[in-house]
Amino acid sequence: MKHEACNDDEAYCLVLEPPDIETYMRLRHEAGMNPRSAAGAERGLPGSLFAVQVVHQGEEGNETVGMGRVVGDGGCFYQVVDIAVQPAHQGRGLGKRIMAEIRAYILREAPENAFVSLLADGEAHRLYAQFGFELTHAIGMAWYPDRAGHRSAEG
């Protein structure tokens, strides 16, 4: 593990590296996010510019209960993705801890005038606004290609 920042009172540690594929897939599912393929995760996770996991140190062992990543070109464009916290651990400030680490990374590494974006589902925009993100006038668009080249509306 690259780095740990532990809070003994809550038994949560931050680990600054991408989760393994199984953990990534599990957290996306548990947080109600659209699934991604294992093949996509295998290719994409190592390409993360930055990643943070929240690991709960419980009586039954350690379990990753939250995550967040930054992807992009490392210069002009950065996108915050995969912000997820297991429902049983929501409401404890873990999303804020994830976003604080991501914000610190961006402030430390991104050049002046870099474009940092994210897509906010539901009420998540309220969390992101606390870290300087603002609603834009752009219209978000997505394309989820399948192997046959057809457009799929589901991601």
C-alpha atoms as a PDB file:
ATOM      1  CA  MET A   1       0.000   0.000   0.000  1.00  0.00           C
ATOM      2  CA  LYS A   2       1.314   3.392  -0.956  1.00  0.00           C
ATOM      3  CA  HIS A   3       0.150   5.436   2.024  1.00  0.00           C
ATOM      4  CA  GLU A   4      -2.132   5.106   4.969  1.00  0.00           C
ATOM      5  CA  ALA A   5      -3.773   7.839   7.005  1.00  0.00           C
ATOM      6  CA  CYS A   6      -5.693   6.260   9.874  1.00  0.00           C
ATOM      7  CA  ASN A   7      -8.280   7.655  12.233  1.00  0.00           C
ATOM      8  CA  ASP A   8      -8.236   5.296  15.203  1.00  0.00           C
ATOM      9  CA  ASP A   9     -11.478   6.714  16.613  1.00  0.00           C
ATOM     10  CA  GLU A  10     -13.452   5.543  13.590  1.00  0.00           C
ATOM     11  CA  ALA A  11     -11.181   2.671  12.511  1.00  0.00           C
ATOM     12  CA  TYR A  12     -10.966   4.024   8.945  1.00  0.00           C
ATOM     13  CA  CYS A  13      -7.725   4.295   6.999  1.00  0.00           C
ATOM     14  CA  LEU A  14      -7.081   6.016   3.680  1.00  0.00           C
ATOM     15  CA  VAL A  15      -4.993   4.054   1.190  1.00  0.00           C
ATOM     16  CA  LEU A  16      -3.699   6.024  -1.776  1.00  0.00           C
ATOM     17  CA  GLU A  17      -3.820   3.448  -4.540  1.00  0.00           C
ATOM     18  CA  PRO A  18      -6.502   1.991  -6.818  1.00  0.00           C
ATOM     19  CA  PRO A  19      -8.555  -0.913  -5.498  1.00  0.00           C
ATOM     20  CA  ASP A  20      -8.145  -4.355  -6.982  1.00  0.00           C
ATOM     21  CA  ILE A  21     -10.633  -5.366  -9.666  1.00  0.00           C
ATOM     22  CA  GLU A  22     -12.885  -7.389  -7.362  1.00  0.00           C
ATOM     23  CA  THR A  23     -13.101  -4.578  -4.798  1.00  0.00           C
ATOM     24  CA  TYR A  24     -13.767  -2.018  -7.529  1.00  0.00           C
ATOM     25  CA  MET A  25     -16.596  -4.068  -9.015  1.00  0.00           C
ATOM     26  CA  ARG A  26     -18.076  -4.801  -5.565  1.00  0.00           C
ATOM     27  CA  LEU A  27     -18.065  -1.164  -4.418  1.00  0.00           C
ATOM     28  CA  ARG A  28     -19.644   0.085  -7.638  1.00  0.00           C
ATOM     29  CA  HIS A  29     -22.411  -2.511  -7.228  1.00  0.00           C
ATOM     30  CA  GLU A  30     -22.969  -1.834  -3.519  1.00  0.00           C
ATOM     31  CA  ALA A  31     -23.109   1.929  -4.101  1.00  0.00           C
ATOM     32  CA  GLY A  32     -25.756   1.463  -6.818  1.00  0.00           C
ATOM     33  CA  MET A  33     -23.502   2.558  -9.663  1.00  0.00           C
ATOM     34  CA  ASN A  34     -23.675   1.159 -13.177  1.00  0.00           C
ATOM     35  CA  PRO A  35     -21.472  -1.915 -13.577  1.00  0.00           C
ATOM     36  CA  ARG A  36     -18.227  -1.858 -15.531  1.00  0.00           C
ATOM     37  CA  SER A  37     -16.611  -4.900 -17.090  1.00  0.00           C
ATOM     38  CA  ALA A  38     -13.786  -6.717 -15.348  1.00  0.00           C
ATOM     39  CA  ALA A  39     -11.768  -6.357 -18.558  1.00  0.00           C
ATOM     40  CA  GLY A  40     -12.335  -2.598 -18.492  1.00  0.00           C
ATOM     41  CA  ALA A  41     -11.367  -2.384 -14.822  1.00  0.00           C
ATOM     42  CA  GLU A  42      -8.226  -4.428 -15.481  1.00  0.00           C
ATOM     43  CA  ARG A  43      -7.155  -1.959 -18.162  1.00  0.00           C
ATOM     44  CA  GLY A  44      -8.379   1.222 -16.502  1.00  0.00           C
ATOM     45  CA  LEU A  45      -7.462   0.972 -12.829  1.00  0.00           C
ATOM     46  CA  PRO A  46      -3.671   0.968 -13.382  1.00  0.00           C
ATOM     47  CA  GLY A  47      -4.074   4.086 -15.534  1.00  0.00           C
ATOM     48  CA  SER A  48      -5.497   6.125 -12.657  1.00  0.00           C
ATOM     49  CA  LEU A  49      -3.680   9.402 -12.102  1.00  0.00           C
ATOM     50  CA  PHE A  50      -4.682   9.235  -8.443  1.00  0.00           C
ATOM     51  CA  ALA A  51      -6.810   6.928  -6.324  1.00  0.00           C
ATOM     52  CA  VAL A  52      -7.942   6.719  -2.733  1.00  0.00           C
ATOM     53  CA  GLN A  53      -9.624   3.915  -0.843  1.00  0.00           C
ATOM     54  CA  VAL A  54     -11.265   4.031   2.567  1.00  0.00           C
ATOM     55  CA  VAL A  55     -10.495   0.854   4.480  1.00  0.00           C
ATOM     56  CA  HIS A  56     -12.561  -0.048   7.542  1.00  0.00           C
ATOM     57  CA  GLN A  57     -10.618  -1.908  10.188  1.00  0.00           C
ATOM     58  CA  GLY A  58     -13.282  -4.041  11.815  1.00  0.00           C
ATOM     59  CA  GLU A  59     -13.349  -7.033  14.125  1.00  0.00           C
ATOM     60  CA  GLU A  60     -13.698  -9.346  11.127  1.00  0.00           C
ATOM     61  CA  GLY A  61     -10.715  -7.836   9.278  1.00  0.00           C
ATOM     62  CA  ASN A  62     -10.120  -4.985   6.882  1.00  0.00           C
ATOM     63  CA  GLU A  63     -12.606  -4.116   4.162  1.00  0.00           C
ATOM     64  CA  THR A  64     -12.517  -1.367   1.551  1.00  0.00           C
ATOM     65  CA  VAL A  65     -15.757   0.567   2.031  1.00  0.00           C
ATOM     66  CA  GLY A  66     -15.119   3.631  -0.123  1.00  0.00           C
ATOM     67  CA  MET A  67     -13.114   4.801  -3.103  1.00  0.00           C
ATOM     68  CA  GLY A  68     -12.490   7.592  -5.565  1.00  0.00           C
ATOM     69  CA  ARG A  69     -10.209   8.096  -8.561  1.00  0.00           C
ATOM     70  CA  VAL A  70      -8.863  10.755 -10.886  1.00  0.00           C
ATOM     71  CA  VAL A  71      -8.300   9.923 -14.546  1.00  0.00           C
ATOM     72  CA  GLY A  72      -7.184  12.066 -17.449  1.00  0.00           C
ATOM     73  CA  ASP A  73      -4.127  13.190 -19.378  1.00  0.00           C
ATOM     74  CA  GLY A  74      -2.228  14.556 -16.371  1.00  0.00           C
ATOM     75  CA  GLY A  75      -1.936  18.031 -17.848  1.00  0.00           C
ATOM     76  CA  CYS A  76      -4.980  19.672 -19.394  1.00  0.00           C
ATOM     77  CA  PHE A  77      -7.847  17.409 -18.339  1.00  0.00           C
ATOM     78  CA  TYR A  78      -8.670  15.643 -15.089  1.00  0.00           C
ATOM     79  CA  GLN A  79     -11.908  13.797 -14.354  1.00  0.00           C
ATOM     80  CA  VAL A  80     -13.035  12.721 -10.898  1.00  0.00           C
ATOM     81  CA  VAL A  81     -14.665   9.294 -11.138  1.00  0.00           C
ATOM     82  CA  ASP A  82     -15.825   6.314  -9.097  1.00  0.00           C
ATOM     83  CA  ILE A  83     -16.713   8.180  -5.905  1.00  0.00           C
ATOM     84  CA  ALA A  84     -18.437   5.422  -3.952  1.00  0.00           C
ATOM     85  CA  VAL A  85     -19.115   4.643  -0.300  1.00  0.00           C
ATOM     86  CA  GLN A  86     -20.743   1.425   0.850  1.00  0.00           C
ATOM     87  CA  PRO A  87     -24.278   2.274   2.084  1.00  0.00           C
ATOM     88  CA  ALA A  88     -23.627   0.880   5.582  1.00  0.00           C
ATOM     89  CA  HIS A  89     -20.791   3.404   5.979  1.00  0.00           C
ATOM     90  CA  GLN A  90     -22.477   6.455   4.457  1.00  0.00           C
ATOM     91  CA  GLY A  91     -23.224   9.496   6.599  1.00  0.00           C
ATOM     92  CA  ARG A  92     -19.860   9.343   8.390  1.00  0.00           C
ATOM     93  CA  GLY A  93     -17.983  11.898   6.325  1.00  0.00           C
ATOM     94  CA  LEU A  94     -16.153   9.310   4.226  1.00  0.00           C
ATOM     95  CA  GLY A  95     -17.192  10.918   0.935  1.00  0.00           C
ATOM     96  CA  LYS A  96     -15.756  14.181   2.229  1.00  0.00           C
ATOM     97  CA  ARG A  97     -12.501  12.463   3.169  1.00  0.00           C
ATOM     98  CA  ILE A  98     -12.257  10.945  -0.307  1.00  0.00           C
ATOM     99  CA  MET A  99     -12.942  14.286  -1.965  1.00  0.00           C
ATOM    100  CA  ALA A 100     -10.481  16.107   0.316  1.00  0.00           C
ATOM    101  CA  GLU A 101      -7.701  13.745  -0.795  1.00  0.00           C
ATOM    102  CA  ILE A 102      -8.676  14.176  -4.447  1.00  0.00           C
ATOM    103  CA  ARG A 103      -8.789  17.965  -4.099  1.00  0.00           C
ATOM    104  CA  ALA A 104      -5.359  17.987  -2.436  1.00  0.00           C
ATOM    105  CA  TYR A 105      -3.960  15.904  -5.302  1.00  0.00           C
ATOM    106  CA  ILE A 106      -5.431  18.238  -7.936  1.00  0.00           C
ATOM    107  CA  LEU A 107      -4.128  21.361  -6.175  1.00  0.00           C
ATOM    108  CA  ARG A 108      -0.689  19.784  -5.831  1.00  0.00           C
ATOM    109  CA  GLU A 109      -0.356  18.307  -9.330  1.00  0.00           C
ATOM    110  CA  ALA A 110      -2.609  20.020 -11.879  1.00  0.00           C
ATOM    111  CA  PRO A 111      -1.128  22.886 -13.904  1.00  0.00           C
ATOM    112  CA  GLU A 112      -2.777  26.291 -13.870  1.00  0.00           C
ATOM    113  CA  ASN A 113      -6.012  26.411 -15.862  1.00  0.00           C
ATOM    114  CA  ALA A 114      -6.397  22.615 -15.996  1.00  0.00           C
ATOM    115  CA  PHE A 115      -9.993  21.496 -16.566  1.00  0.00           C
ATOM    116  CA  VAL A 116     -11.266  19.318 -13.710  1.00  0.00           C
ATOM    117  CA  SER A 117     -14.669  17.731 -14.226  1.00  0.00           C
ATOM    118  CA  LEU A 118     -17.025  15.134 -12.844  1.00  0.00           C
ATOM    119  CA  LEU A 119     -20.538  13.840 -13.349  1.00  0.00           C
ATOM    120  CA  ALA A 120     -22.750  14.074 -10.278  1.00  0.00           C
ATOM    121  CA  ASP A 121     -25.577  11.588  -9.786  1.00  0.00           C
ATOM    122  CA  GLY A 122     -28.618  12.535  -7.725  1.00  0.00           C
ATOM    123  CA  GLU A 123     -27.814  14.797  -4.809  1.00  0.00           C
ATOM    124  CA  ALA A 124     -24.054  14.143  -4.963  1.00  0.00           C
ATOM    125  CA  HIS A 125     -23.594  17.614  -6.469  1.00  0.00           C
ATOM    126  CA  ARG A 126     -24.035  18.972  -2.930  1.00  0.00           C
ATOM    127  CA  LEU A 127     -20.914  17.117  -1.780  1.00  0.00           C
ATOM    128  CA  TYR A 128     -18.893  18.194  -4.801  1.00  0.00           C
ATOM    129  CA  ALA A 129     -19.904  21.844  -4.412  1.00  0.00           C
ATOM    130  CA  GLN A 130     -18.197  21.816  -0.998  1.00  0.00           C
ATOM    131  CA  PHE A 131     -14.936  21.206  -2.847  1.00  0.00           C
ATOM    132  CA  GLY A 132     -15.282  23.990  -5.383  1.00  0.00           C
ATOM    133  CA  PHE A 133     -17.188  22.244  -8.171  1.00  0.00           C
ATOM    134  CA  GLU A 134     -19.877  24.332  -9.844  1.00  0.00           C
ATOM    135  CA  LEU A 135     -22.756  23.479 -12.127  1.00  0.00           C
ATOM    136  CA  THR A 136     -21.887  24.210 -15.753  1.00  0.00           C
ATOM    137  CA  HIS A 137     -24.006  25.204 -18.707  1.00  0.00           C
ATOM    138  CA  ALA A 138     -22.584  22.373 -20.790  1.00  0.00           C
ATOM    139  CA  ILE A 139     -24.781  19.428 -21.649  1.00  0.00           C
ATOM    140  CA  GLY A 140     -23.257  16.161 -20.498  1.00  0.00           C
ATOM    141  CA  MET A 141     -23.254  13.417 -23.100  1.00  0.00           C
ATOM    142  CA  ALA A 142     -22.156   9.787 -23.012  1.00  0.00           C
ATOM    143  CA  TRP A 143     -21.709   6.891 -25.389  1.00  0.00           C
ATOM    144  CA  TYR A 144     -21.403   3.260 -24.256  1.00  0.00           C
ATOM    145  CA  PRO A 145     -20.259   1.291 -27.306  1.00  0.00           C
ATOM    146  CA  ASP A 146     -20.819  -2.422 -27.498  1.00  0.00           C
ATOM    147  CA  ARG A 147     -18.725  -4.818 -29.588  1.00  0.00           C
ATOM    148  CA  ALA A 148     -21.185  -4.604 -32.486  1.00  0.00           C
ATOM    149  CA  GLY A 149     -20.753  -0.833 -32.587  1.00  0.00           C
ATOM    150  CA  HIS A 150     -24.336  -0.015 -31.607  1.00  0.00           C
ATOM    151  CA  ARG A 151     -25.142   2.737 -29.207  1.00  0.00           C
ATOM    152  CA  SER A 152     -26.305   1.597 -25.824  1.00  0.00           C
ATOM    153  CA  ALA A 153     -28.245   3.937 -23.535  1.00  0.00           C
ATOM    154  CA  GLU A 154     -27.130   2.020 -20.456  1.00  0.00           C
ATOM    155  CA  GLY A 155     -23.679   2.319 -18.936  1.00  0.00           C
END
